[in-house]
């Protein structure tokens, strides 16, 4: 009877603890799995958004580079000055570009200085005054200036570049080039295994109804890419399309991960770039392995619990049967046995915890590696853009026969300099925590010029004036690491200017001089300064005021690491109010103090 009581008690205890453990642990594992999936989807979403925005900028710049290259073409000159010009000249050039380059759809228009269209590659209409219908063209004629835009016209959403044509120093007209988003959507389908669809804002639908390029509409929305898959169109037609256009980050629905990237130019939303990626094509192997291991450990725990409870029950029952006079000695033996068993169990659990800690440490290393790769990508994006732009310019000018030796040499120098910077960036990140790094001597003015060479593409058309005061001295520094700090600080200043609307007083002041065997570098802007509530936190890791897709909060932290720990210097920040050209200005001022020893 007593034996049955012990058995029933043990079974009830075992079942109760097991059910609680299964319930609590399963709930935790499912929540953890959902968090890991959410993190995975966030990474995919942010990377894809960055890539799409980068491809849009690249296509916009490539369209501008093509137009600049063709502005001096003899065919354009012929159209402006010869009434009976060859009407197929630029059309033949469009076909050549379609065959030999990534420009599969490109159209040209030549407009004289009075606003009359002399040539359109998409129809035969001639000699109409288009400046009466287009305010942007009217402004171009009044103030000839290179212009690159993204806009929605009566045919489609397009990249548009306008370049003034000068002959013998006299303004004669405008060359306009128009390209599509199709190459971007095709490239993403191949490289990222996604199905892209470009939806133009509803307010433009009426003007597109009659002459739309693709003739594809979903409800009252125009679809801009020709190659969109039929099953995606059917899926959107069966759903409420506004639900997809209002996605902030991403949406998991049915069998897709759906990512929405707004297409914005000059703070005007033109459309949405929707990306559909099948969930079964996303690599979640490590999440499934984590789930399997977690449930395996749970099974081991339940088995171990049963064994422990059984042992305890058996021990208690056996002890009760012992005679009174031998109970003390037997209890001591049992206690010794139990201590040994518990010691062994503790040692086993410690060993298991050690293995778990190794796994967590490895995951931490992988996360750190991912963050480092993200920093490398941030440093590489700009020189890669320079290389792409220079190479495209060389190719276009070579094809149309206007490439000069000087332009060829300058473009190759830009490519070589940017490639060298990419290589040294990799070396710097690889040896970032190594104590063995070599300093080198460089002239201060040459160093600042190298900074300008590396950031010039990011400052084009930003209307930012940089004022320098550089002593003619030679400095002894870790050149590449200090380059990274300078680029980071200057790009941060540029980003702050872009947040301010209708602001003309954009200045950056750079001072470099020697003071008591210390190199002093001061970078000051006129962007309004840093909020006093956060200025003391800006060097903390992962602290950022930027949108998640634009910054990780690592940049200024890395700057402080380089200056303070690697160069044994100091970096300070404050808000400074000052007067320049009779203007009262305010902005953030970063001061770097680096010892020459």
Protein backbone atom coordinates (compact mmCIF):
# COMPACT_ATOMS: atom_id res chain seq x y z
CA UNK A 1 0.00 0.00 0.00
CA UNK A 2 2.79 2.45 0.92
CA UNK A 3 4.60 1.52 -2.26
CA UNK A 4 1.54 2.41 -4.40
CA UNK A 5 1.24 5.77 -2.61
CA UNK A 6 4.84 6.61 -3.50
CA UNK A 7 4.27 5.55 -7.11
CA UNK A 8 1.09 7.62 -7.52
CA UNK A 9 2.70 10.66 -5.91
CA UNK A 10 5.76 10.34 -8.15
CA UNK A 11 3.67 9.96 -11.32
CA UNK A 12 1.45 12.97 -10.49
CA UNK A 13 4.51 15.08 -9.68
CA UNK A 14 6.25 13.97 -12.86
CA UNK A 15 3.22 14.68 -15.06
CA UNK A 16 2.59 18.08 -13.46
CA UNK A 17 6.20 19.28 -13.83
CA UNK A 18 6.47 17.82 -17.35
CA UNK A 19 3.27 19.53 -18.56
CA UNK A 20 4.38 22.85 -17.08
CA UNK A 21 7.87 22.49 -18.57
CA UNK A 22 6.49 21.55 -21.99
CA UNK A 23 3.99 24.39 -21.95
CA UNK A 24 6.40 27.10 -20.78
CA UNK A 25 9.33 25.94 -22.91
CA UNK A 26 7.25 25.43 -26.07
CA UNK A 27 5.81 28.91 -25.70
CA UNK A 28 9.32 30.33 -25.26
CA UNK A 29 10.69 28.42 -28.27
CA UNK A 30 7.83 29.62 -30.50
CA UNK A 31 8.35 33.24 -29.38
CA UNK A 32 12.10 32.91 -29.96
CA UNK A 33 11.47 31.42 -33.42
CA UNK A 34 9.16 34.32 -34.28
CA UNK A 35 11.78 36.83 -33.09
CA UNK A 36 14.48 35.16 -35.20
CA UNK A 37 12.18 35.15 -38.25
CA UNK A 38 11.32 38.81 -37.62
CA UNK A 39 15.03 39.66 -37.42
CA UNK A 40 15.68 37.71 -40.63
CA UNK A 41 12.85 39.47 -42.47
CA UNK A 42 14.03 42.86 -41.17
CA UNK A 43 17.54 42.20 -42.50
CA UNK A 44 16.18 41.13 -45.90
CA UNK A 45 13.83 44.13 -45.99
CA UNK A 46 16.48 46.70 -45.04
CA UNK A 47 19.09 45.26 -47.42
CA UNK A 48 16.62 45.14 -50.30
CA UNK A 49 15.40 48.70 -49.65
CA UNK A 50 18.99 49.95 -49.57
CA UNK A 51 19.75 48.08 -52.79
CA UNK A 52 16.65 49.42 -54.60
CA UNK A 53 17.39 53.00 -53.53
CA UNK A 54 21.02 52.54 -54.58
CA UNK A 55 19.95 51.14 -58.00
CA UNK A 56 17.55 54.07 -58.50
CA UNK A 57 20.35 56.56 -57.75
CA UNK A 58 22.72 54.60 -60.00
CA UNK A 59 20.21 54.58 -62.90
CA UNK A 60 19.52 58.29 -62.42
CA UNK A 61 23.26 59.06 -62.46
CA UNK A 62 23.84 56.77 -65.46
CA UNK A 63 21.07 58.53 -67.41
CA UNK A 64 22.69 61.87 -66.61
CA UNK A 65 26.15 60.57 -67.58
CA UNK A 66 24.77 59.29 -70.90
CA UNK A 67 23.10 62.64 -71.64
CA UNK A 68 26.23 64.63 -70.78
CA UNK A 69 28.24 62.36 -73.04
CA UNK A 70 25.85 62.79 -75.99
CA UNK A 71 25.36 66.55 -75.57
CA UNK A 72 28.46 67.22 -77.67
CA UNK A 73 27.61 64.57 -80.28
CA UNK A 74 27.81 65.65 -83.89
CA UNK A 75 24.32 64.26 -84.54
CA UNK A 76 22.81 66.62 -81.94
CA UNK A 77 24.71 69.53 -83.53
CA UNK A 78 23.33 68.51 -86.92
CA UNK A 79 19.74 68.47 -85.62
CA UNK A 80 20.11 71.97 -84.17
CA UNK A 81 21.58 73.52 -87.35
CA UNK A 82 20.47 71.37 -90.31
CA UNK A 83 16.80 71.41 -91.36
CA UNK A 84 17.18 68.20 -93.40
CA UNK A 85 19.02 66.19 -90.77
CA UNK A 86 19.04 62.39 -90.73
CA UNK A 87 15.91 61.52 -88.75
CA UNK A 88 17.15 58.05 -87.85
CA UNK A 89 20.50 59.10 -86.33
CA UNK A 90 19.51 59.15 -82.66
CA UNK A 91 17.10 56.27 -83.19
CA UNK A 92 20.04 54.19 -84.47
CA UNK A 93 21.97 55.28 -81.38
CA UNK A 94 19.09 54.10 -79.15
CA UNK A 95 19.19 50.70 -80.84
CA UNK A 96 22.96 50.52 -80.38
CA UNK A 97 22.59 51.35 -76.67
CA UNK A 98 19.90 48.68 -76.31
CA UNK A 99 22.21 46.11 -77.89
CA UNK A 100 25.51 47.00 -76.23
CA UNK A 101 24.55 48.48 -72.81
CA UNK A 102 22.08 48.12 -69.97
CA UNK A 103 19.93 50.92 -71.48
CA UNK A 104 17.20 48.77 -73.06
CA UNK A 105 14.67 51.61 -73.27
CA UNK A 106 16.04 55.11 -73.85
CA UNK A 107 14.47 58.04 -75.69
CA UNK A 108 15.93 61.39 -76.78
CA UNK A 109 14.54 64.83 -77.48
CA UNK A 110 16.43 67.82 -78.91
CA UNK A 111 15.00 71.29 -78.11
CA UNK A 112 16.38 74.57 -79.44
CA UNK A 113 17.04 77.63 -77.33
CA UNK A 114 13.59 79.03 -78.13
CA UNK A 115 11.81 76.00 -76.63
CA UNK A 116 10.85 74.25 -79.92
CA UNK A 117 11.22 70.46 -80.13
CA UNK A 118 13.33 69.67 -83.22
CA UNK A 119 13.48 65.93 -82.68
CA UNK A 120 11.74 63.19 -80.65
CA UNK A 121 12.88 59.60 -80.89
CA UNK A 122 9.45 58.25 -79.86
CA UNK A 123 7.28 59.96 -82.54
CA UNK A 124 7.54 62.16 -85.64
CA UNK A 125 6.07 65.34 -84.16
CA UNK A 126 8.39 68.33 -84.80
CA UNK A 127 8.70 72.09 -84.27
CA UNK A 128 6.12 72.47 -81.47
CA UNK A 129 6.89 74.85 -78.60
CA UNK A 130 7.14 72.44 -75.66
CA UNK A 131 8.33 75.17 -73.27
CA UNK A 132 4.75 76.48 -73.21
CA UNK A 133 3.59 73.17 -71.74
CA UNK A 134 6.53 72.33 -69.47
CA UNK A 135 7.61 74.67 -66.71
CA UNK A 136 10.83 72.72 -66.06
CA UNK A 137 11.94 73.24 -69.67
CA UNK A 138 11.04 76.92 -69.53
CA UNK A 139 13.27 77.32 -66.45
CA UNK A 140 16.07 75.39 -68.19
CA UNK A 141 16.02 77.77 -71.19
CA UNK A 142 16.02 80.82 -68.92
CA UNK A 143 18.82 79.41 -66.77
CA UNK A 144 20.71 76.61 -68.59
CA UNK A 145 21.86 74.12 -66.00
CA UNK A 146 22.34 70.33 -65.93
CA UNK A 147 19.30 68.70 -64.35
CA UNK A 148 18.48 65.10 -63.43
CA UNK A 149 15.03 64.11 -62.14
CA UNK A 150 12.57 61.29 -61.58
CA UNK A 151 9.03 62.20 -62.63
CA UNK A 152 5.68 60.96 -63.88
CA UNK A 153 4.61 62.25 -67.30
CA UNK A 154 1.79 61.27 -69.62
CA UNK A 155 3.59 58.07 -70.71
CA UNK A 156 5.23 56.61 -67.61
CA UNK A 157 7.35 57.15 -64.49
CA UNK A 158 10.85 57.79 -65.84
CA UNK A 159 14.36 59.03 -65.19
CA UNK A 160 14.88 62.28 -67.04
CA UNK A 161 18.14 64.17 -67.64
CA UNK A 162 18.42 67.56 -69.36
CA UNK A 163 21.79 68.96 -70.44
CA UNK A 164 22.27 72.39 -72.07
CA UNK A 165 24.12 72.35 -75.43
CA UNK A 166 26.78 74.97 -76.00
CA UNK A 167 28.43 75.50 -79.36
CA UNK A 168 31.45 77.81 -79.39
CA UNK A 169 30.44 78.94 -75.89
CA UNK A 170 26.93 79.96 -76.97
CA UNK A 171 23.80 78.26 -75.59
CA UNK A 172 22.01 76.62 -78.53
CA UNK A 173 19.52 74.20 -77.00
CA UNK A 174 18.83 71.28 -74.71
CA UNK A 175 19.33 67.50 -75.03
CA UNK A 176 16.85 65.48 -73.00
CA UNK A 177 17.20 61.73 -72.27
CA UNK A 178 14.48 59.55 -70.79
CA UNK A 179 14.93 56.03 -69.36
CA UNK A 180 12.73 53.48 -67.57
CA UNK A 181 12.72 51.44 -64.34
CA UNK A 182 12.57 48.17 -66.31
CA UNK A 183 16.30 47.40 -66.06
CA UNK A 184 16.12 47.75 -62.24
CA UNK A 185 13.22 45.31 -61.92
CA UNK A 186 14.86 42.81 -64.29
CA UNK A 187 18.16 42.95 -62.42
CA UNK A 188 16.50 42.42 -59.02
CA UNK A 189 14.59 39.40 -60.32
CA UNK A 190 17.88 37.78 -61.35
CA UNK A 191 20.06 38.78 -58.40
CA UNK A 192 17.64 38.54 -55.47
CA UNK A 193 15.00 36.02 -56.67
CA UNK A 194 12.17 38.48 -56.13
CA UNK A 195 9.18 39.50 -58.21
CA UNK A 196 9.14 43.30 -58.41
CA UNK A 197 6.16 45.47 -59.36
CA UNK A 198 6.22 49.26 -59.65
CA UNK A 199 2.92 50.99 -58.74
CA UNK A 200 2.57 54.70 -59.65
CA UNK A 201 0.72 56.98 -57.22
CA UNK A 202 -3.05 57.14 -57.80
CA UNK A 203 -3.04 60.91 -58.41
CA UNK A 204 -1.14 60.36 -61.71
CA UNK A 205 -3.54 57.74 -63.10
CA UNK A 206 -5.72 60.15 -65.09
CA UNK A 207 -2.81 61.66 -67.01
CA UNK A 208 -1.47 58.16 -67.83
CA UNK A 209 -4.73 56.55 -69.01
CA UNK A 210 -4.47 57.49 -72.68
CA UNK A 211 -0.74 57.11 -73.45
CA UNK A 212 0.55 54.72 -70.77
CA UNK A 213 3.68 52.82 -71.83
CA UNK A 214 2.73 49.41 -70.35
CA UNK A 215 -1.11 49.71 -70.62
CA UNK A 216 -1.30 47.77 -67.31
CA UNK A 217 -3.67 49.03 -64.59
CA UNK A 218 -4.85 47.51 -61.32
CA UNK A 219 -8.04 49.25 -60.17
CA UNK A 220 -7.01 52.94 -60.36
CA UNK A 221 -3.27 52.31 -60.17
CA UNK A 222 -0.80 52.18 -63.06
CA UNK A 223 1.83 49.39 -63.21
CA UNK A 224 5.10 50.72 -64.67
CA UNK A 225 7.19 47.60 -65.36
CA UNK A 226 6.49 45.55 -68.49
CA UNK A 227 7.99 42.31 -67.18
CA UNK A 228 5.71 41.94 -64.15
CA UNK A 229 4.59 38.34 -63.61
CA UNK A 230 0.98 37.46 -64.37
CA UNK A 231 0.43 35.60 -61.07
CA UNK A 232 1.55 38.67 -59.08
CA UNK A 233 -0.91 40.85 -60.99
CA UNK A 234 -3.70 38.37 -60.31
CA UNK A 235 -2.75 38.22 -56.64
CA UNK A 236 -2.92 42.03 -56.32
CA UNK A 237 -6.22 42.19 -58.22
CA UNK A 238 -7.75 39.68 -55.80
CA UNK A 239 -6.46 41.62 -52.77
CA UNK A 240 -6.92 45.19 -51.59
CA UNK A 241 -3.96 46.95 -53.20
CA UNK A 242 -3.93 49.83 -50.68
CA UNK A 243 -2.95 47.33 -47.95
CA UNK A 244 0.33 46.71 -49.80
CA UNK A 245 1.02 50.37 -50.61
CA UNK A 246 0.75 51.31 -46.92
CA UNK A 247 3.36 48.77 -45.72
CA UNK A 248 5.92 50.55 -43.52
CA UNK A 249 8.61 47.88 -43.49
CA UNK A 250 7.45 44.48 -44.68
CA UNK A 251 4.40 42.20 -44.66
CA UNK A 252 4.25 38.40 -44.40
CA UNK A 253 1.11 37.25 -46.15
CA UNK A 254 0.08 33.97 -47.71
CA UNK A 255 3.28 32.56 -49.26
CA UNK A 256 5.16 35.86 -49.68
CA UNK A 257 7.42 38.25 -47.86
CA UNK A 258 6.26 41.59 -49.30
CA UNK A 259 8.55 44.62 -49.03
CA UNK A 260 7.48 48.16 -49.91
CA UNK A 261 10.06 50.75 -51.02
CA UNK A 262 8.53 54.21 -51.69
CA UNK A 263 9.86 56.01 -54.78
CA UNK A 264 10.44 59.60 -53.65
CA UNK A 265 12.06 62.51 -55.47
CA UNK A 266 12.30 66.06 -54.08
CA UNK A 267 10.13 64.96 -51.12
CA UNK A 268 7.30 64.01 -53.51
CA UNK A 269 6.12 60.41 -53.47
CA UNK A 270 5.85 59.16 -57.08
CA UNK A 271 5.06 55.51 -56.46
CA UNK A 272 5.85 52.27 -54.64
CA UNK A 273 8.38 49.57 -55.51
CA UNK A 274 6.74 46.36 -54.22
CA UNK A 275 8.97 43.27 -53.92
CA UNK A 276 7.46 39.78 -53.55
CA UNK A 277 9.78 37.05 -52.24
CA UNK A 278 8.51 33.52 -51.66
CA UNK A 279 8.91 32.42 -48.05
CA UNK A 280 10.14 28.96 -49.08
CA UNK A 281 13.09 30.61 -50.89
CA UNK A 282 14.32 32.34 -47.71
CA UNK A 283 17.13 30.51 -45.90
CA UNK A 284 15.82 29.70 -42.39
CA UNK A 285 17.96 26.62 -41.84
CA UNK A 286 19.64 27.94 -38.70
CA UNK A 287 16.24 28.83 -37.18
CA UNK A 288 14.92 25.31 -37.80
CA UNK A 289 18.11 23.84 -36.32
CA UNK A 290 17.70 26.02 -33.24
CA UNK A 291 14.09 24.85 -32.86
CA UNK A 292 15.04 21.18 -33.23
CA UNK A 293 17.86 21.46 -30.70
CA UNK A 294 15.63 23.29 -28.23
CA UNK A 295 12.97 20.58 -28.34
CA UNK A 296 15.69 17.91 -28.13
CA UNK A 297 17.01 19.52 -24.94
CA UNK A 298 13.46 19.67 -23.63
CA UNK A 299 13.05 15.94 -24.28
CA UNK A 300 16.30 15.22 -22.46
CA UNK A 301 15.07 17.32 -19.53
CA UNK A 302 11.78 15.39 -19.30
CA UNK A 303 13.63 12.06 -19.37
CA UNK A 304 16.13 13.25 -16.79
CA UNK A 305 13.28 14.55 -14.62
CA UNK A 306 11.59 11.13 -14.72
CA UNK A 307 14.80 9.39 -13.75
CA UNK A 308 15.47 11.81 -10.90
CA UNK A 309 11.91 11.56 -9.55
CA UNK A 310 12.00 7.80 -9.84
CA UNK A 311 15.31 7.67 -8.00
CA UNK A 312 14.05 9.94 -5.26
CA UNK A 313 10.84 7.96 -4.89
CA UNK A 314 12.69 4.68 -4.77
CA UNK A 315 15.15 6.06 -2.27
CA UNK A 316 12.44 7.39 0.05
CA UNK A 317 10.52 4.15 -0.09
CA UNK A 318 13.60 2.02 0.58
CA UNK A 319 14.67 4.21 3.46
CA UNK A 320 11.34 3.74 5.22
CA UNK A 321 11.81 -0.05 5.25
CA UNK A 322 15.12 0.13 7.07
CA UNK A 323 15.29 -0.72 10.69
CA UNK A 324 15.51 2.10 13.21
CA UNK A 325 18.88 1.16 14.69
CA UNK A 326 20.56 1.15 11.20
CA UNK A 327 18.75 4.27 9.85
CA UNK A 328 21.45 6.79 10.78
CA UNK A 329 24.28 4.94 9.09
CA UNK A 330 22.15 4.12 6.07
CA UNK A 331 21.06 7.74 5.78
CA UNK A 332 24.71 8.77 5.70
CA UNK A 333 25.42 6.30 2.93
CA UNK A 334 22.40 7.48 1.00
CA UNK A 335 23.40 11.10 1.50
CA UNK A 336 26.86 10.34 0.17
CA UNK A 337 25.33 8.57 -2.83
CA UNK A 338 22.94 11.45 -3.44
CA UNK A 339 25.75 14.00 -3.18
CA UNK A 340 27.78 12.04 -5.71
CA UNK A 341 24.78 11.82 -8.01
CA UNK A 342 24.03 15.53 -7.63
CA UNK A 343 27.69 16.42 -8.15
CA UNK A 344 27.73 14.39 -11.33
CA UNK A 345 24.47 16.00 -12.46
CA UNK A 346 25.84 19.48 -11.68
CA UNK A 347 29.03 18.70 -13.58
CA UNK A 348 26.99 17.51 -16.55
CA UNK A 349 24.83 20.65 -16.46
CA UNK A 350 27.93 22.86 -16.18
CA UNK A 351 29.36 21.08 -19.22
CA UNK A 352 26.12 21.61 -21.12
CA UNK A 353 26.07 25.29 -20.13
CA UNK A 354 29.66 25.60 -21.32
CA UNK A 355 28.67 24.21 -24.72
CA UNK A 356 25.69 26.57 -24.85
CA UNK A 357 27.97 29.51 -23.98
CA UNK A 358 30.31 28.48 -26.81
CA UNK A 359 27.38 28.54 -29.22
CA UNK A 360 26.26 31.96 -27.92
CA UNK A 361 29.84 33.25 -28.20
CA UNK A 362 30.01 32.04 -31.81
CA UNK A 363 26.69 33.74 -32.56
CA UNK A 364 28.04 36.94 -30.98
CA UNK A 365 31.13 36.69 -33.19
CA UNK A 366 28.94 36.23 -36.25
CA UNK A 367 26.85 39.28 -35.29
CA UNK A 368 30.03 41.35 -34.84
CA UNK A 369 31.27 40.12 -38.22
CA UNK A 370 27.94 41.14 -39.77
CA UNK A 371 28.24 44.61 -38.25
CA UNK A 372 31.82 44.89 -39.57
CA UNK A 373 30.71 43.82 -43.06
CA UNK A 374 27.98 46.48 -42.87
CA UNK A 375 30.65 49.12 -42.11
CA UNK A 376 32.78 47.92 -45.02
CA UNK A 377 29.75 48.15 -47.31
CA UNK A 378 29.11 51.70 -46.06
CA UNK A 379 32.72 52.65 -46.86
CA UNK A 380 32.64 50.91 -50.26
CA UNK A 381 29.35 52.35 -51.55
CA UNK A 382 30.79 55.76 -52.47
CA UNK A 383 34.01 54.69 -54.31
CA UNK A 384 32.02 51.98 -56.14
CA UNK A 385 29.64 54.71 -57.36
CA UNK A 386 32.66 56.75 -58.52
CA UNK A 387 34.07 53.73 -60.39
CA UNK A 388 30.70 52.99 -62.04
CA UNK A 389 30.15 56.60 -63.11
CA UNK A 390 33.70 56.96 -64.49
CA UNK A 391 33.57 53.63 -66.35
CA UNK A 392 30.16 54.45 -67.85
CA UNK A 393 31.43 57.85 -69.00
CA UNK A 394 34.49 56.27 -70.68
CA UNK A 395 32.38 53.64 -72.42
CA UNK A 396 29.75 56.08 -73.69
CA UNK A 397 32.28 58.63 -74.93
CA UNK A 398 34.32 55.88 -76.59
CA UNK A 399 31.26 54.55 -78.41
CA UNK A 400 30.27 57.96 -79.75
CA UNK A 401 33.87 58.90 -80.58
CA UNK A 402 34.34 61.92 -78.32
CA UNK A 403 36.70 60.46 -75.71
CA UNK A 404 39.81 62.63 -75.32
CA UNK A 405 43.12 61.42 -73.92
CA UNK A 406 42.85 63.80 -70.97
CA UNK A 407 39.33 62.60 -70.08
CA UNK A 408 40.50 59.00 -70.49
CA UNK A 409 43.45 59.57 -68.11
CA UNK A 410 41.31 61.46 -65.54
CA UNK A 411 38.64 58.74 -65.51
CA UNK A 412 41.22 55.96 -65.11
CA UNK A 413 42.90 57.91 -62.28
CA UNK A 414 39.50 58.16 -60.54
CA UNK A 415 38.94 54.41 -60.94
CA UNK A 416 42.47 53.52 -59.71
CA UNK A 417 42.21 55.88 -56.70
CA UNK A 418 38.81 54.52 -55.72
CA UNK A 419 39.94 50.90 -56.19
CA UNK A 420 43.02 51.57 -54.02
CA UNK A 421 40.74 53.07 -51.38
CA UNK A 422 38.55 49.93 -51.47
CA UNK A 423 41.64 47.77 -50.96
CA UNK A 424 43.01 49.84 -48.10
CA UNK A 425 39.57 49.91 -46.46
CA UNK A 426 39.56 46.09 -46.37
CA UNK A 427 43.08 46.10 -44.87
CA UNK A 428 42.05 48.64 -42.24
CA UNK A 429 38.99 46.67 -41.14
CA UNK A 430 40.95 43.38 -41.14
CA UNK A 431 43.65 44.84 -38.92
CA UNK A 432 41.31 47.13 -36.95
CA UNK A 433 42.04 45.61 -33.54
CA UNK A 434 45.70 44.81 -34.23
CA UNK A 435 48.20 46.85 -32.16
CA UNK A 436 50.78 46.69 -34.98
CA UNK A 437 49.92 49.42 -37.49
CA UNK A 438 52.29 51.78 -39.24
CA UNK A 439 52.02 55.54 -39.40
CA UNK A 440 53.08 57.49 -42.46
CA UNK A 441 53.92 61.09 -43.24
CA UNK A 442 51.67 63.07 -45.56
CA UNK A 443 51.18 66.73 -46.37
CA UNK A 444 48.11 68.15 -44.67
CA UNK A 445 46.76 69.72 -47.86
CA UNK A 446 47.27 66.45 -49.80
CA UNK A 447 45.43 64.57 -47.08
CA UNK A 448 42.43 66.93 -47.15
CA UNK A 449 42.41 66.76 -50.96
CA UNK A 450 42.25 62.96 -50.75
CA UNK A 451 39.22 63.31 -48.44
CA UNK A 452 37.55 65.59 -51.02
CA UNK A 453 38.33 63.14 -53.82
CA UNK A 454 36.56 60.36 -51.93
CA UNK A 455 33.43 62.33 -50.95
CA UNK A 456 33.01 64.49 -54.06
CA UNK A 457 30.38 62.23 -55.67
CA UNK A 458 28.21 62.42 -52.53
CA UNK A 459 28.42 66.21 -52.46
CA UNK A 460 27.51 66.83 -56.12
CA UNK A 461 24.39 68.99 -56.58
CA UNK A 462 23.99 69.40 -52.80
CA UNK A 463 24.73 73.18 -52.88
CA UNK A 464 27.09 72.77 -49.94
CA UNK A 465 30.06 75.16 -49.79
CA UNK A 466 33.20 73.83 -48.06
CA UNK A 467 35.61 76.43 -46.65
CA UNK A 468 39.08 75.18 -45.67
CA UNK A 469 41.94 76.65 -43.64
CA UNK A 470 44.80 74.15 -43.86
CA UNK A 471 48.33 74.86 -42.62
CA UNK A 472 51.08 73.90 -45.06
CA UNK A 473 52.58 71.24 -42.77
CA UNK A 474 53.51 67.57 -42.85
CA UNK A 475 51.58 65.31 -40.46
CA UNK A 476 52.48 61.85 -39.14
CA UNK A 477 49.26 59.78 -38.90
CA UNK A 478 47.46 56.51 -39.49
CA UNK A 479 46.26 57.88 -42.81
CA UNK A 480 43.54 55.41 -43.83
CA UNK A 481 41.92 55.28 -40.40
CA UNK A 482 41.84 59.09 -40.18
CA UNK A 483 40.36 59.14 -43.71
CA UNK A 484 37.48 56.98 -42.46
CA UNK A 485 36.85 59.37 -39.54
CA UNK A 486 36.86 62.44 -41.81
CA UNK A 487 34.55 60.83 -44.37
CA UNK A 488 32.14 59.72 -41.65
CA UNK A 489 31.96 63.21 -40.07
CA UNK A 490 31.55 64.98 -43.43
CA UNK A 491 28.87 62.56 -44.60
CA UNK A 492 27.01 63.06 -41.31
CA UNK A 493 27.06 66.82 -41.93
CA UNK A 494 25.75 66.27 -45.46
CA UNK A 495 22.92 64.10 -44.10
CA UNK A 496 21.93 66.83 -41.62
CA UNK A 497 21.67 69.38 -44.46
CA UNK A 498 19.37 67.04 -46.38
CA UNK A 499 16.91 67.03 -43.47
CA UNK A 500 16.43 70.83 -43.78
CA UNK A 501 13.99 72.11 -46.41
CA UNK A 502 14.47 75.37 -48.36
CA UNK A 503 17.80 76.13 -46.73
CA UNK A 504 20.45 78.00 -48.75
CA UNK A 505 23.11 78.69 -46.12
CA UNK A 506 24.91 75.33 -46.33
CA UNK A 507 28.51 75.70 -45.17
CA UNK A 508 31.15 73.30 -43.86
CA UNK A 509 34.37 74.74 -42.36
CA UNK A 510 37.50 72.55 -42.11
CA UNK A 511 40.55 73.78 -40.18
CA UNK A 512 43.81 71.82 -39.75
CA UNK A 513 46.79 73.17 -37.80
CA UNK A 514 49.50 72.27 -35.25
CA UNK A 515 49.23 73.20 -31.59
CA UNK A 516 51.83 72.05 -29.00
CA UNK A 517 52.84 68.92 -30.96
CA UNK A 518 49.19 68.05 -31.52
CA UNK A 519 47.36 67.89 -34.84
CA UNK A 520 44.10 69.82 -34.45
CA UNK A 521 41.31 69.17 -36.98
CA UNK A 522 38.06 71.12 -36.68
CA UNK A 523 34.92 70.30 -38.75
CA UNK A 524 32.03 72.73 -38.33
CA UNK A 525 28.72 72.97 -40.23
CA UNK A 526 25.72 75.30 -40.38
CA UNK A 527 22.99 72.65 -40.11
CA UNK A 528 21.52 73.89 -36.82
CA UNK A 529 23.46 71.77 -34.34
CA UNK A 530 22.66 68.68 -32.25
CA UNK A 531 19.80 68.44 -29.76
CA UNK A 532 21.23 69.17 -26.29
CA UNK A 533 19.28 66.21 -24.90
CA UNK A 534 21.30 63.72 -26.98
CA UNK A 535 24.64 65.43 -27.64
CA UNK A 536 26.26 63.51 -24.73
CA UNK A 537 25.15 60.16 -26.21
CA UNK A 538 26.18 60.42 -29.87
CA UNK A 539 29.39 58.38 -29.37
CA UNK A 540 27.52 55.47 -27.78
CA UNK A 541 27.41 52.27 -29.90
CA UNK A 542 24.13 51.75 -31.80
CA UNK A 543 22.81 55.20 -30.87
CA UNK A 544 21.41 56.95 -33.96
CA UNK A 545 18.74 59.51 -34.86
CA UNK A 546 18.53 58.27 -38.46
CA UNK A 547 15.89 55.98 -39.90
CA UNK A 548 16.67 52.26 -39.49
CA UNK A 549 17.41 51.87 -43.20
CA UNK A 550 19.93 54.75 -43.17
CA UNK A 551 22.09 54.16 -40.14
CA UNK A 552 23.14 51.67 -37.46
CA UNK A 553 24.68 54.04 -34.89
CA UNK A 554 28.15 52.49 -35.38
CA UNK A 555 29.75 55.39 -37.32
CA UNK A 556 30.51 57.90 -34.55
CA UNK A 557 31.31 55.10 -32.10
CA UNK A 558 33.92 53.79 -34.57
CA UNK A 559 35.28 57.35 -34.98
CA UNK A 560 35.81 57.62 -31.23
CA UNK A 561 37.42 54.14 -31.14
CA UNK A 562 39.89 55.13 -33.88
CA UNK A 563 40.81 58.56 -32.45
CA UNK A 564 40.90 57.66 -28.73
CA UNK A 565 42.06 54.02 -28.58
CA UNK A 566 44.11 53.66 -31.75
CA UNK A 567 45.62 57.16 -32.10
CA UNK A 568 45.59 58.01 -28.36
CA UNK A 569 43.91 61.30 -29.20
CA UNK A 570 40.65 63.00 -28.29
CA UNK A 571 37.39 63.79 -30.12
CA UNK A 572 35.03 66.49 -28.82
CA UNK A 573 31.66 67.82 -30.01
CA UNK A 574 29.74 71.00 -29.21
CA UNK A 575 27.13 73.33 -30.73
CA UNK A 576 28.73 76.52 -32.05
CA UNK A 577 27.10 79.85 -33.00
CA UNK A 578 29.09 82.12 -35.29
CA UNK A 579 28.88 84.80 -38.01
CA UNK A 580 29.91 84.28 -41.64
CA UNK A 581 29.29 86.69 -44.53
CA UNK A 582 27.04 88.78 -42.27
CA UNK A 583 24.92 85.69 -41.55
CA UNK A 584 24.27 84.37 -38.05
CA UNK A 585 24.83 80.60 -38.23
CA UNK A 586 24.64 77.66 -35.85
CA UNK A 587 25.90 74.10 -36.23
CA UNK A 588 27.76 71.13 -34.77
CA UNK A 589 31.54 71.39 -34.33
CA UNK A 590 33.77 68.31 -34.04
CA UNK A 591 37.34 68.83 -32.79
CA UNK A 592 39.97 66.11 -33.24
CA UNK A 593 43.21 66.32 -31.21
CA UNK A 594 45.86 63.79 -32.35
CA UNK A 595 49.42 63.55 -30.94
CA UNK A 596 52.27 63.63 -33.47
CA UNK A 597 54.36 61.10 -31.47
